Amino acid sequence: MLKTIPTLVTEIKNKVKITTAINAFNDTKQNNGVVIDVREPSEVVENIIEGTINIPRGLLEMKMLQLYPNAELPIYIHCASGVRAMFAAEQLQRVGYKNVKAITCNIDEIKKIKD
């Protein structure tokens, strides 16, 4: 049987640490973490979030291993709605990253914090 996205999201919530945007950006100031934006480049151009690094979800594992080989690095993942962030966080955990959190609020809430 095929699983729906809401079903998968419910399953992932049990595996992935979740945080708010304000906590993520505050934490990165203290722990030298990174905030990764997994939206597509065309989405980022329309709504840039200062202080984030754009690595589209489709390239995430390859790029992260090249750019950030430290498995202990605090990583905060965001997207437009929080769904891709959760999928991306789960995938980074599979690769071996130990300190990954998904930001699950929508892009407008993130934008308010950064503006």
Protein backbone atom coordinates (compact mmCIF):
# COMPACT_ATOMS: atom_id res chain seq x y z
CA MET A 1 0.00 0.00 0.00
CA LEU A 2 1.21 3.48 -0.86
CA LYS A 3 1.67 5.96 1.97
CA THR A 4 0.46 9.52 1.78
CA ILE A 5 2.68 12.48 2.62
CA PRO A 6 0.73 13.20 5.85
CA THR A 7 1.25 9.58 6.91
CA LEU A 8 4.99 9.80 6.22
CA VAL A 9 5.23 13.12 8.05
CA THR A 10 3.57 11.57 11.10
CA GLU A 11 6.09 8.71 11.04
CA ILE A 12 9.05 11.06 10.61
CA LYS A 13 7.98 13.27 13.53
CA ASN A 14 8.85 10.38 15.81
CA LYS A 15 12.38 10.17 14.39
CA VAL A 16 13.39 13.80 13.82
CA LYS A 17 14.01 16.57 16.32
CA ILE A 18 11.89 19.63 15.62
CA THR A 19 12.60 23.23 16.53
CA THR A 20 11.21 26.70 15.98
CA ALA A 21 12.86 29.19 13.67
CA ILE A 22 13.68 31.57 16.49
CA ASN A 23 15.35 28.80 18.51
CA ALA A 24 17.31 27.62 15.48
CA PHE A 25 18.68 31.06 14.61
CA ASN A 26 19.45 31.84 18.27
CA ASP A 27 21.16 28.46 18.72
CA THR A 28 23.40 28.95 15.68
CA LYS A 29 24.81 32.11 17.27
CA GLN A 30 25.92 30.07 20.27
CA ASN A 31 26.88 26.72 18.74
CA ASN A 32 28.28 27.72 15.31
CA GLY A 33 25.61 25.64 13.61
CA VAL A 34 24.28 26.11 10.10
CA VAL A 35 20.78 26.74 8.80
CA ILE A 36 20.22 24.91 5.53
CA ASP A 37 17.44 25.97 3.17
CA VAL A 38 16.37 22.91 1.15
CA ARG A 39 14.07 24.81 -1.21
CA GLU A 40 14.79 24.90 -4.93
CA PRO A 41 16.92 27.85 -6.13
CA SER A 42 13.92 29.38 -7.95
CA GLU A 43 12.01 29.47 -4.65
CA VAL A 44 14.94 31.02 -2.81
CA VAL A 45 15.22 33.85 -5.34
CA GLU A 46 11.59 34.75 -4.68
CA ASN A 47 12.00 34.76 -0.90
CA ILE A 48 15.60 35.00 0.34
CA ILE A 49 16.26 34.23 4.01
CA GLU A 50 19.45 35.91 5.21
CA GLY A 51 21.86 33.73 7.14
CA THR A 52 20.88 30.47 5.47
CA ILE A 53 22.68 28.25 2.99
CA ASN A 54 20.69 26.95 0.05
CA ILE A 55 21.24 23.29 -0.73
CA PRO A 56 18.24 21.86 -2.59
CA ARG A 57 16.87 18.66 -1.11
CA GLY A 58 17.85 16.66 -4.19
CA LEU A 59 21.54 17.51 -3.66
CA LEU A 60 21.55 17.62 0.11
CA GLU A 61 23.43 14.45 1.09
CA MET A 62 26.18 14.91 -1.50
CA LYS A 63 26.72 18.61 -0.80
CA MET A 64 26.56 18.29 2.99
CA LEU A 65 29.20 15.56 3.01
CA GLN A 66 31.46 17.80 0.90
CA LEU A 67 30.83 21.09 2.73
CA TYR A 68 30.24 19.88 6.30
CA PRO A 69 32.01 16.59 7.04
CA ASN A 70 31.63 16.99 10.83
CA ALA A 71 28.93 14.54 12.02
CA GLU A 72 28.49 16.56 15.26
CA LEU A 73 27.80 19.91 13.55
CA PRO A 74 24.49 21.45 14.66
CA ILE A 75 22.32 21.55 11.53
CA TYR A 76 18.94 23.23 11.24
CA ILE A 77 16.89 22.52 8.12
CA HIS A 78 14.12 24.70 6.73
CA CYS A 79 11.94 24.87 3.62
CA ALA A 80 8.72 26.67 2.71
CA SER A 81 6.33 24.68 4.90
CA GLY A 82 8.38 22.33 7.09
CA VAL A 83 7.58 19.10 5.23
CA ARG A 84 10.73 18.95 3.10
CA ALA A 85 12.73 20.03 6.15
CA MET A 86 11.55 16.96 8.04
CA PHE A 87 12.33 14.63 5.13
CA ALA A 88 15.76 16.25 4.74
CA ALA A 89 16.53 16.02 8.46
CA GLU A 90 15.63 12.34 8.45
CA GLN A 91 17.90 11.73 5.48
CA LEU A 92 20.84 13.55 7.08
CA GLN A 93 20.42 11.40 10.16
CA ARG A 94 20.60 8.30 7.94
CA VAL A 95 23.87 9.59 6.49
CA GLY A 96 25.25 9.90 10.01
CA TYR A 97 24.74 13.48 11.19
CA LYS A 98 24.03 13.47 14.92
CA ASN A 99 22.69 16.97 15.63
CA VAL A 100 20.00 17.71 13.03
CA LYS A 101 16.75 19.57 13.66
CA ALA A 102 13.90 20.45 11.33
CA ILE A 103 12.32 23.90 11.43
CA THR A 104 8.64 23.19 10.83
CA CYS A 105 7.07 26.63 10.65
CA ASN A 106 6.27 28.17 7.27
CA ILE A 107 8.55 30.50 5.35
CA ASP A 108 6.58 33.63 6.31
CA GLU A 109 7.25 32.98 9.99
CA ILE A 110 10.95 32.47 9.29
CA LYS A 111 11.05 35.64 7.23
CA LYS A 112 9.53 37.68 10.12
CA ILE A 113 12.30 36.55 12.43
CA LYS A 114 15.06 37.41 9.99
CA ASP A 115 13.70 40.78 8.83
